[in-house]
Amino acid sequence: MAHSHFDAAPILVLGANGKTGRRVADRLRKQGLDVRACARSTQPRFDWNDRMTWSAALEGVKRAYVTYQPDLAMPGALDTVSAFFDAALTSGVELIVLLSGRGEEEAQAAEVALQRSGASWTILRCSWFMQNFSESFLLDSIRAGTLALPVTDIREPFVDAEDIADAAVAALTQPGHESRLYELTGARAITFAEALECIAKASGREVRLAPVSPDVFRAGLLEAGVSKPEIDLILYLFTTVLDGRNEKPADGVCAALHREARSFEDYAMQAAASGAWDI
């Protein structure tokens, strides 16, 4: 596929303001590539719920990095992404790199839809992002010193969004990643309490985990102004996906990038140095 119109065509990055999309777009730009980074707030605008916005985003594109907002586990996601894959192929897209979720049956259905679409594909099936602690709905609680979550001592091999972005860029720009499904995780699984210990050590601040019931957690999110669909998603992730099914680390980072996955300690040190948890 290394023909000139393919190389010169803009690369579509969806979820351009998200944890991975932002990093993927930055890396591609640094390589001097033409990037069309799209979200609901960009020009051209891209909205998963408004199919009229899709064609302008796809125009002239040969490669695309696809992240579905808010998550492939959401009701209706499969129909929407399937329709998008069809639209992308009709528009001339040849390669799609899909961000997927580990242990989510709905996400795996979207993976199958991509594999059957006729596009060249790479799937990045990811565990929980480390950046959920520093760039997401857990941040304010960590800054406050107490993180109330409906979790027990389940371990999760948290993955660094920097590793995901590196794998996405490799798949978008280098041969050899076609028809590959990479399970991206960290090198070892740790509990949420252990993750907070790392954050406390790196930031020099006290942070403790307070286990709560899902109902109490839901009430707290409602009070914080989180939307109901997002709350349903967050609770799904905590009560269904965090049931031990994902405890075993996978070797996807090594397979995609020929190096070890970044450790939670390294992530925590870097996030603390950037001021993520400063009040």
C-alpha atoms as a PDB file:
ATOM      1  CA  MET A   1       0.000   0.000   0.000  1.00  0.00           C
ATOM      2  CA  ALA A   2       3.049   2.287  -0.139  1.00  0.00           C
ATOM      3  CA  HIS A   3       1.837   4.187  -3.191  1.00  0.00           C
ATOM      4  CA  SER A   4       2.087   7.951  -3.312  1.00  0.00           C
ATOM      5  CA  HIS A   5      -1.602   8.898  -3.100  1.00  0.00           C
ATOM      6  CA  PHE A   6      -1.897   6.665  -0.017  1.00  0.00           C
ATOM      7  CA  ASP A   7       1.114   8.321   1.658  1.00  0.00           C
ATOM      8  CA  ALA A   8       0.004  11.849   0.766  1.00  0.00           C
ATOM      9  CA  ALA A   9      -3.643  11.456   1.804  1.00  0.00           C
ATOM     10  CA  PRO A  10      -4.693  12.917   5.163  1.00  0.00           C
ATOM     11  CA  ILE A  11      -4.847  10.470   8.071  1.00  0.00           C
ATOM     12  CA  LEU A  12      -8.143  10.710   9.965  1.00  0.00           C
ATOM     13  CA  VAL A  13      -7.876  10.672  13.763  1.00  0.00           C
ATOM     14  CA  LEU A  14     -11.239  10.443  15.531  1.00  0.00           C
ATOM     15  CA  GLY A  15     -11.594  11.448  19.166  1.00  0.00           C
ATOM     16  CA  ALA A  16      -8.933  14.080  18.568  1.00  0.00           C
ATOM     17  CA  ASN A  17      -9.390  15.592  22.044  1.00  0.00           C
ATOM     18  CA  GLY A  18      -9.410  12.204  23.806  1.00  0.00           C
ATOM     19  CA  LYS A  19      -6.644  10.500  25.753  1.00  0.00           C
ATOM     20  CA  THR A  20      -5.321   8.477  22.821  1.00  0.00           C
ATOM     21  CA  GLY A  21      -6.537  10.531  19.846  1.00  0.00           C
ATOM     22  CA  ARG A  22      -4.670  13.631  21.012  1.00  0.00           C
ATOM     23  CA  ARG A  23      -1.448  11.666  21.418  1.00  0.00           C
ATOM     24  CA  VAL A  24      -1.817   9.873  18.076  1.00  0.00           C
ATOM     25  CA  ALA A  25      -2.431  13.154  16.214  1.00  0.00           C
ATOM     26  CA  ASP A  26       0.608  14.788  17.891  1.00  0.00           C
ATOM     27  CA  ARG A  27       2.897  11.896  16.946  1.00  0.00           C
ATOM     28  CA  LEU A  28       1.714  11.823  13.322  1.00  0.00           C
ATOM     29  CA  ARG A  29       2.202  15.601  12.970  1.00  0.00           C
ATOM     30  CA  LYS A  30       5.737  15.283  14.357  1.00  0.00           C
ATOM     31  CA  GLN A  31       6.417  12.824  11.531  1.00  0.00           C
ATOM     32  CA  GLY A  32       5.354  15.537   9.096  1.00  0.00           C
ATOM     33  CA  LEU A  33       2.182  13.711   8.070  1.00  0.00           C
ATOM     34  CA  ASP A  34      -1.099  15.342   7.039  1.00  0.00           C
ATOM     35  CA  VAL A  35      -3.464  14.771   9.969  1.00  0.00           C
ATOM     36  CA  ARG A  36      -7.200  15.420  10.011  1.00  0.00           C
ATOM     37  CA  ALA A  37      -7.954  15.390  13.733  1.00  0.00           C
ATOM     38  CA  CYS A  38     -11.720  15.338  14.254  1.00  0.00           C
ATOM     39  CA  ALA A  39     -14.117  15.643  17.173  1.00  0.00           C
ATOM     40  CA  ARG A  40     -17.414  17.375  17.867  1.00  0.00           C
ATOM     41  CA  SER A  41     -15.590  20.684  18.415  1.00  0.00           C
ATOM     42  CA  THR A  42     -13.351  20.627  15.303  1.00  0.00           C
ATOM     43  CA  GLN A  43     -13.600  21.666  11.660  1.00  0.00           C
ATOM     44  CA  PRO A  44     -14.584  19.478   9.961  1.00  0.00           C
ATOM     45  CA  ARG A  45     -16.821  18.441  12.814  1.00  0.00           C
ATOM     46  CA  PHE A  46     -17.290  14.762  13.573  1.00  0.00           C
ATOM     47  CA  ASP A  47     -20.143  13.484  15.709  1.00  0.00           C
ATOM     48  CA  TRP A  48     -20.913   9.771  16.070  1.00  0.00           C
ATOM     49  CA  ASN A  49     -24.571  10.656  16.596  1.00  0.00           C
ATOM     50  CA  ASP A  50     -24.824  12.812  13.463  1.00  0.00           C
ATOM     51  CA  ARG A  51     -24.016  10.734  10.392  1.00  0.00           C
ATOM     52  CA  MET A  52     -24.233  13.858   8.229  1.00  0.00           C
ATOM     53  CA  THR A  53     -20.842  14.879   9.674  1.00  0.00           C
ATOM     54  CA  TRP A  54     -19.062  11.728   8.536  1.00  0.00           C
ATOM     55  CA  SER A  55     -18.486  12.388   4.829  1.00  0.00           C
ATOM     56  CA  ALA A  56     -16.520  15.640   5.274  1.00  0.00           C
ATOM     57  CA  ALA A  57     -14.276  13.942   7.843  1.00  0.00           C
ATOM     58  CA  LEU A  58     -13.677  10.973   5.512  1.00  0.00           C
ATOM     59  CA  GLU A  59     -13.097  12.912   2.290  1.00  0.00           C
ATOM     60  CA  GLY A  60      -9.794  11.926   0.657  1.00  0.00           C
ATOM     61  CA  VAL A  61      -8.750   9.784   3.639  1.00  0.00           C
ATOM     62  CA  LYS A  62      -6.925   6.458   3.150  1.00  0.00           C
ATOM     63  CA  ARG A  63      -6.044   5.674   6.796  1.00  0.00           C
ATOM     64  CA  ALA A  64      -8.085   6.205   9.960  1.00  0.00           C
ATOM     65  CA  TYR A  65      -7.641   5.833  13.709  1.00  0.00           C
ATOM     66  CA  VAL A  66     -11.093   5.126  15.135  1.00  0.00           C
ATOM     67  CA  THR A  67     -12.088   5.660  18.767  1.00  0.00           C
ATOM     68  CA  TYR A  68     -15.790   5.480  19.589  1.00  0.00           C
ATOM     69  CA  GLN A  69     -17.159   7.927  22.162  1.00  0.00           C
ATOM     70  CA  PRO A  70     -17.952   7.338  24.909  1.00  0.00           C
ATOM     71  CA  ASP A  71     -17.235   3.595  24.657  1.00  0.00           C
ATOM     72  CA  LEU A  72     -17.931   0.600  22.418  1.00  0.00           C
ATOM     73  CA  ALA A  73     -19.826  -0.943  25.348  1.00  0.00           C
ATOM     74  CA  MET A  74     -22.616   1.643  24.956  1.00  0.00           C
ATOM     75  CA  PRO A  75     -25.993   0.529  23.544  1.00  0.00           C
ATOM     76  CA  GLY A  76     -26.171   1.205  19.804  1.00  0.00           C
ATOM     77  CA  ALA A  77     -22.384   1.445  19.389  1.00  0.00           C
ATOM     78  CA  LEU A  78     -22.151  -1.661  17.197  1.00  0.00           C
ATOM     79  CA  ASP A  79     -24.722  -0.401  14.665  1.00  0.00           C
ATOM     80  CA  THR A  80     -23.050   2.998  14.531  1.00  0.00           C
ATOM     81  CA  VAL A  81     -19.471   1.795  14.044  1.00  0.00           C
ATOM     82  CA  SER A  82     -20.599  -0.804  11.496  1.00  0.00           C
ATOM     83  CA  ALA A  83     -22.271   1.969   9.493  1.00  0.00           C
ATOM     84  CA  PHE A  84     -19.105   4.059   9.819  1.00  0.00           C
ATOM     85  CA  PHE A  85     -16.897   1.240   8.514  1.00  0.00           C
ATOM     86  CA  ASP A  86     -19.204   0.953   5.480  1.00  0.00           C
ATOM     87  CA  ALA A  87     -19.088   4.722   4.920  1.00  0.00           C
ATOM     88  CA  ALA A  88     -15.297   4.725   5.274  1.00  0.00           C
ATOM     89  CA  LEU A  89     -14.799   1.976   2.690  1.00  0.00           C
ATOM     90  CA  THR A  90     -17.234   3.604   0.277  1.00  0.00           C
ATOM     91  CA  SER A  91     -15.254   6.834   0.684  1.00  0.00           C
ATOM     92  CA  GLY A  92     -11.969   5.089  -0.191  1.00  0.00           C
ATOM     93  CA  VAL A  93     -10.441   4.379   3.224  1.00  0.00           C
ATOM     94  CA  GLU A  94      -8.078   1.386   2.982  1.00  0.00           C
ATOM     95  CA  LEU A  95      -6.736   0.966   6.538  1.00  0.00           C
ATOM     96  CA  ILE A  96      -8.582   1.280   9.853  1.00  0.00           C
ATOM     97  CA  VAL A  97      -6.926   1.082  13.280  1.00  0.00           C
ATOM     98  CA  LEU A  98      -9.598   0.534  15.949  1.00  0.00           C
ATOM     99  CA  LEU A  99      -9.317   1.255  19.669  1.00  0.00           C
ATOM    100  CA  SER A 100     -11.201  -1.487  21.517  1.00  0.00           C
ATOM    101  CA  GLY A 101     -11.803  -2.508  25.113  1.00  0.00           C
ATOM    102  CA  ARG A 102     -10.549  -5.645  26.825  1.00  0.00           C
ATOM    103  CA  GLY A 103     -13.186  -7.881  28.389  1.00  0.00           C
ATOM    104  CA  GLU A 104     -16.103  -6.038  26.775  1.00  0.00           C
ATOM    105  CA  GLU A 105     -18.357  -8.314  24.715  1.00  0.00           C
ATOM    106  CA  GLU A 106     -19.839  -5.331  22.876  1.00  0.00           C
ATOM    107  CA  ALA A 107     -16.369  -4.098  21.906  1.00  0.00           C
ATOM    108  CA  GLN A 108     -15.466  -7.533  20.590  1.00  0.00           C
ATOM    109  CA  ALA A 109     -18.592  -7.446  18.389  1.00  0.00           C
ATOM    110  CA  ALA A 110     -17.293  -4.176  16.891  1.00  0.00           C
ATOM    111  CA  GLU A 111     -13.918  -5.845  16.263  1.00  0.00           C
ATOM    112  CA  VAL A 112     -15.650  -8.604  14.291  1.00  0.00           C
ATOM    113  CA  ALA A 113     -17.559  -5.985  12.273  1.00  0.00           C
ATOM    114  CA  LEU A 114     -14.251  -4.347  11.315  1.00  0.00           C
ATOM    115  CA  GLN A 115     -12.631  -7.684  10.442  1.00  0.00           C
ATOM    116  CA  ARG A 116     -15.555  -8.446   8.127  1.00  0.00           C
ATOM    117  CA  SER A 117     -15.723  -4.962   6.592  1.00  0.00           C
ATOM    118  CA  GLY A 118     -13.191  -5.525   3.825  1.00  0.00           C
ATOM    119  CA  ALA A 119     -10.763  -2.898   5.109  1.00  0.00           C
ATOM    120  CA  SER A 120      -7.169  -3.562   6.074  1.00  0.00           C
ATOM    121  CA  TRP A 121      -7.342  -3.490   9.873  1.00  0.00           C
ATOM    122  CA  THR A 122      -5.411  -3.434  13.135  1.00  0.00           C
ATOM    123  CA  ILE A 123      -7.213  -3.752  16.479  1.00  0.00           C
ATOM    124  CA  LEU A 124      -5.850  -2.333  19.740  1.00  0.00           C
ATOM    125  CA  ARG A 125      -7.739  -4.116  22.535  1.00  0.00           C
ATOM    126  CA  CYS A 126      -6.830  -2.192  25.666  1.00  0.00           C
ATOM    127  CA  SER A 127      -7.051  -2.643  29.403  1.00  0.00           C
ATOM    128  CA  TRP A 128      -7.856   0.243  31.787  1.00  0.00           C
ATOM    129  CA  PHE A 129      -5.884   3.402  30.956  1.00  0.00           C
ATOM    130  CA  MET A 130      -3.415   4.644  33.557  1.00  0.00           C
ATOM    131  CA  GLN A 131      -4.467   8.144  32.481  1.00  0.00           C
ATOM    132  CA  ASN A 132      -7.932   7.558  33.989  1.00  0.00           C
ATOM    133  CA  PHE A 133      -6.219   8.560  37.244  1.00  0.00           C
ATOM    134  CA  SER A 134      -4.853  11.854  35.902  1.00  0.00           C
ATOM    135  CA  GLU A 135      -7.004  12.978  32.955  1.00  0.00           C
ATOM    136  CA  SER A 136     -10.459  11.710  33.721  1.00  0.00           C
ATOM    137  CA  PHE A 137     -13.328  11.287  36.154  1.00  0.00           C
ATOM    138  CA  LEU A 138     -11.070  10.020  38.987  1.00  0.00           C
ATOM    139  CA  LEU A 139      -8.862  13.130  39.017  1.00  0.00           C
ATOM    140  CA  ASP A 140     -10.827  15.405  41.354  1.00  0.00           C
ATOM    141  CA  SER A 141     -11.225  12.660  43.980  1.00  0.00           C
ATOM    142  CA  ILE A 142      -7.509  11.896  43.894  1.00  0.00           C
ATOM    143  CA  ARG A 143      -6.714  15.592  44.332  1.00  0.00           C
ATOM    144  CA  ALA A 144      -9.110  15.602  47.303  1.00  0.00           C
ATOM    145  CA  GLY A 145      -7.194  12.678  48.847  1.00  0.00           C
ATOM    146  CA  THR A 146      -9.910  10.016  48.885  1.00  0.00           C
ATOM    147  CA  LEU A 147     -11.010   7.913  45.952  1.00  0.00           C
ATOM    148  CA  ALA A 148     -14.360   6.232  46.637  1.00  0.00           C
ATOM    149  CA  LEU A 149     -14.824   3.333  44.218  1.00  0.00           C
ATOM    150  CA  PRO A 150     -16.962   0.183  44.003  1.00  0.00           C
ATOM    151  CA  VAL A 151     -13.885  -2.061  43.801  1.00  0.00           C
ATOM    152  CA  THR A 152     -12.409  -4.847  45.873  1.00  0.00           C
ATOM    153  CA  ASP A 153      -8.866  -6.172  45.603  1.00  0.00           C
ATOM    154  CA  ILE A 154      -9.240  -7.016  41.888  1.00  0.00           C
ATOM    155  CA  ARG A 155      -6.000  -6.507  39.974  1.00  0.00           C
ATOM    156  CA  GLU A 156      -5.839  -4.739  36.620  1.00  0.00           C
ATOM    157  CA  PRO A 157      -2.822  -4.522  34.268  1.00  0.00           C
ATOM    158  CA  PHE A 158      -3.338  -0.783  33.640  1.00  0.00           C
ATOM    159  CA  VAL A 159      -1.973   0.370  30.265  1.00  0.00           C
ATOM    160  CA  ASP A 160      -0.311   3.697  29.498  1.00  0.00           C
ATOM    161  CA  ALA A 161      -2.057   5.784  26.817  1.00  0.00           C
ATOM    162  CA  GLU A 162       1.440   6.652  25.517  1.00  0.00           C
ATOM    163  CA  ASP A 163       1.934   2.955  24.672  1.00  0.00           C
ATOM    164  CA  ILE A 164      -1.457   2.829  22.951  1.00  0.00           C
ATOM    165  CA  ALA A 165      -0.584   5.896  20.877  1.00  0.00           C
ATOM    166  CA  ASP A 166       2.787   4.426  19.901  1.00  0.00           C
ATOM    167  CA  ALA A 167       1.081   1.210  18.763  1.00  0.00           C
ATOM    168  CA  ALA A 168      -1.592   3.132  16.814  1.00  0.00           C
ATOM    169  CA  VAL A 169       1.019   5.233  15.006  1.00  0.00           C
ATOM    170  CA  ALA A 170       3.068   2.130  14.187  1.00  0.00           C
ATOM    171  CA  ALA A 171      -0.032   0.461  12.726  1.00  0.00           C
ATOM    172  CA  LEU A 172      -0.934   3.578  10.719  1.00  0.00           C
ATOM    173  CA  THR A 173       2.535   4.241   9.303  1.00  0.00           C
ATOM    174  CA  GLN A 174       4.508   0.979   9.154  1.00  0.00           C
ATOM    175  CA  PRO A 175       3.874  -2.294   7.319  1.00  0.00           C
ATOM    176  CA  GLY A 176       3.455  -5.557   9.186  1.00  0.00           C
ATOM    177  CA  HIS A 177       0.573  -4.643  11.502  1.00  0.00           C
ATOM    178  CA  GLU A 178      -2.268  -5.514   9.122  1.00  0.00           C
ATOM    179  CA  SER A 179      -4.735  -8.160  10.346  1.00  0.00           C
ATOM    180  CA  ARG A 180      -3.193  -8.026  13.830  1.00  0.00           C
ATOM    181  CA  LEU A 181      -5.115  -7.825  17.085  1.00  0.00           C
ATOM    182  CA  TYR A 182      -2.891  -6.485  19.860  1.00  0.00           C
ATOM    183  CA  GLU A 183      -4.027  -6.839  23.479  1.00  0.00           C
ATOM    184  CA  LEU A 184      -2.401  -3.832  25.094  1.00  0.00           C
ATOM    185  CA  THR A 185      -1.862  -3.980  28.858  1.00  0.00           C
ATOM    186  CA  GLY A 186       0.778  -3.029  31.360  1.00  0.00           C
ATOM    187  CA  ALA A 187       3.439  -5.575  32.250  1.00  0.00           C
ATOM    188  CA  ARG A 188       1.894  -6.412  35.652  1.00  0.00           C
ATOM    189  CA  ALA A 189      -1.499  -6.271  37.299  1.00  0.00           C
ATOM    190  CA  ILE A 190      -1.985  -4.165  40.429  1.00  0.00           C
ATOM    191  CA  THR A 191      -4.968  -3.315  42.635  1.00  0.00           C
ATOM    192  CA  PHE A 192      -6.530   0.148  42.726  1.00  0.00           C
ATOM    193  CA  ALA A 193      -5.115   0.527  46.257  1.00  0.00           C
ATOM    194  CA  GLU A 194      -1.612  -0.243  44.933  1.00  0.00           C
ATOM    195  CA  ALA A 195      -2.123   2.226  42.096  1.00  0.00           C
ATOM    196  CA  LEU A 196      -3.008   4.931  44.615  1.00  0.00           C
ATOM    197  CA  GLU A 197       0.080   4.049  46.682  1.00  0.00           C
ATOM    198  CA  CYS A 198       2.204   4.671  43.560  1.00  0.00           C
ATOM    199  CA  ILE A 199       0.436   7.991  42.995  1.00  0.00           C
ATOM    200  CA  ALA A 200       0.891   9.018  46.632  1.00  0.00           C
ATOM    201  CA  LYS A 201       4.600   8.186  46.488  1.00  0.00           C
ATOM    202  CA  ALA A 202       5.131  10.008  43.183  1.00  0.00           C
ATOM    203  CA  SER A 203       3.102  13.094  44.118  1.00  0.00           C
ATOM    204  CA  GLY A 204       4.113  13.307  47.785  1.00  0.00           C
ATOM    205  CA  ARG A 205       0.427  13.525  48.715  1.00  0.00           C
ATOM    206  CA  GLU A 206      -1.804  11.260  50.724  1.00  0.00           C
ATOM    207  CA  VAL A 207      -4.369   9.392  48.645  1.00  0.00           C
ATOM    208  CA  ARG A 208      -6.477   6.561  49.987  1.00  0.00           C
ATOM    209  CA  LEU A 209      -9.025   4.195  48.527  1.00  0.00           C
ATOM    210  CA  ALA A 210     -12.471   4.058  50.105  1.00  0.00           C
ATOM    211  CA  PRO A 211     -14.506   1.080  48.834  1.00  0.00           C
ATOM    212  CA  VAL A 212     -18.202   1.964  48.429  1.00  0.00           C
ATOM    213  CA  SER A 213     -21.285   0.240  47.074  1.00  0.00           C
ATOM    214  CA  PRO A 214     -22.218   0.834  43.412  1.00  0.00           C
ATOM    215  CA  ASP A 215     -25.308   2.790  44.572  1.00  0.00           C
ATOM    216  CA  VAL A 216     -23.248   5.194  46.671  1.00  0.00           C
ATOM    217  CA  PHE A 217     -20.780   5.557  43.801  1.00  0.00           C
ATOM    218  CA  ARG A 218     -23.621   6.333  41.363  1.00  0.00           C
ATOM    219  CA  ALA A 219     -25.023   8.985  43.705  1.00  0.00           C
ATOM    220  CA  GLY A 220     -21.595  10.612  43.959  1.00  0.00           C
ATOM    221  CA  LEU A 221     -21.205  10.755  40.179  1.00  0.00           C
ATOM    222  CA  LEU A 222     -24.696  12.245  39.787  1.00  0.00           C
ATOM    223  CA  GLU A 223     -23.820  14.888  42.352  1.00  0.00           C
ATOM    224  CA  ALA A 224     -20.618  15.656  40.446  1.00  0.00           C
ATOM    225  CA  GLY A 225     -22.682  16.369  37.336  1.00  0.00           C
ATOM    226  CA  VAL A 226     -21.649  13.314  35.304  1.00  0.00           C
ATOM    227  CA  SER A 227     -24.261  12.465  32.659  1.00  0.00           C
ATOM    228  CA  LYS A 228     -26.457   9.398  33.137  1.00  0.00           C
ATOM    229  CA  PRO A 229     -25.125   7.493  30.072  1.00  0.00           C
ATOM    230  CA  GLU A 230     -21.566   8.100  31.286  1.00  0.00           C
ATOM    231  CA  ILE A 231     -22.477   6.937  34.791  1.00  0.00           C
ATOM    232  CA  ASP A 232     -23.996   3.741  33.352  1.00  0.00           C
ATOM    233  CA  LEU A 233     -20.799   3.173  31.399  1.00  0.00           C
ATOM    234  CA  ILE A 234     -18.498   3.826  34.374  1.00  0.00           C
ATOM    235  CA  LEU A 235     -20.538   1.465  36.571  1.00  0.00           C
ATOM    236  CA  TYR A 236     -20.505  -1.161  33.825  1.00  0.00           C
ATOM    237  CA  LEU A 237     -16.718  -0.926  33.688  1.00  0.00           C
ATOM    238  CA  PHE A 238     -16.387  -1.244  37.461  1.00  0.00           C
ATOM    239  CA  THR A 239     -18.994  -3.929  38.084  1.00  0.00           C
ATOM    240  CA  THR A 240     -18.674  -6.059  34.934  1.00  0.00           C
ATOM    241  CA  VAL A 241     -15.266  -5.590  33.340  1.00  0.00           C
ATOM    242  CA  LEU A 242     -13.409  -5.355  36.667  1.00  0.00           C
ATOM    243  CA  ASP A 243     -14.434  -8.825  37.795  1.00  0.00           C
ATOM    244  CA  GLY A 244     -11.046 -10.478  37.399  1.00  0.00           C
ATOM    245  CA  ARG A 245     -11.465 -11.420  33.733  1.00  0.00           C
ATOM    246  CA  ASN A 246      -8.681  -9.010  32.727  1.00  0.00           C
ATOM    247  CA  GLU A 247      -6.181  -9.666  35.508  1.00  0.00           C
ATOM    248  CA  LYS A 248      -3.672 -11.508  33.341  1.00  0.00           C
ATOM    249  CA  PRO A 249      -1.311  -9.145  31.488  1.00  0.00           C
ATOM    250  CA  ALA A 250      -0.979  -9.607  27.724  1.00  0.00           C
ATOM    251  CA  ASP A 251       2.085  -9.100  25.533  1.00  0.00           C
ATOM    252  CA  GLY A 252       0.537  -6.777  22.918  1.00  0.00           C
ATOM    253  CA  VAL A 253       2.827  -3.806  23.619  1.00  0.00           C
ATOM    254  CA  CYS A 254       5.873  -6.025  23.148  1.00  0.00           C
ATOM    255  CA  ALA A 255       4.416  -7.601  19.989  1.00  0.00           C
ATOM    256  CA  ALA A 256       3.528  -4.239  18.417  1.00  0.00           C
ATOM    257  CA  LEU A 257       6.515  -2.167  19.537  1.00  0.00           C
ATOM    258  CA  HIS A 258       9.289  -4.663  20.380  1.00  0.00           C
ATOM    259  CA  ARG A 259       9.764  -3.148  23.831  1.00  0.00           C
ATOM    260  CA  GLU A 260       8.301  -3.526  27.307  1.00  0.00           C
ATOM    261  CA  ALA A 261       5.100  -1.763  28.336  1.00  0.00           C
ATOM    262  CA  ARG A 262       5.591   1.304  30.526  1.00  0.00           C
ATOM    263  CA  SER A 263       5.177   0.677  34.237  1.00  0.00           C
ATOM    264  CA  PHE A 264       2.611   2.319  36.489  1.00  0.00           C
ATOM    265  CA  GLU A 265       5.493   3.759  38.533  1.00  0.00           C
ATOM    266  CA  ASP A 266       6.936   5.504  35.462  1.00  0.00           C
ATOM    267  CA  TYR A 267       3.506   6.830  34.542  1.00  0.00           C
ATOM    268  CA  ALA A 268       2.889   8.131  38.086  1.00  0.00           C
ATOM    269  CA  MET A 269       6.290   9.869  38.217  1.00  0.00           C
ATOM    270  CA  GLN A 270       5.671  11.560  34.858  1.00  0.00           C
ATOM    271  CA  ALA A 271       2.095  12.584  35.688  1.00  0.00           C
ATOM    272  CA  ALA A 272       3.203  13.983  39.067  1.00  0.00           C
ATOM    273  CA  ALA A 273       6.047  15.926  37.397  1.00  0.00           C
ATOM    274  CA  SER A 274       3.533  17.430  34.947  1.00  0.00           C
ATOM    275  CA  GLY A 275       1.459  18.739  37.880  1.00  0.00           C
ATOM    276  CA  ALA A 276      -1.542  16.485  37.155  1.00  0.00           C
ATOM    277  CA  TRP A 277      -2.386  15.986  40.829  1.00  0.00           C
ATOM    278  CA  ASP A 278      -1.454  19.476  42.085  1.00  0.00           C
ATOM    279  CA  ILE A 279      -4.277  21.312  43.788  1.00  0.00           C
END
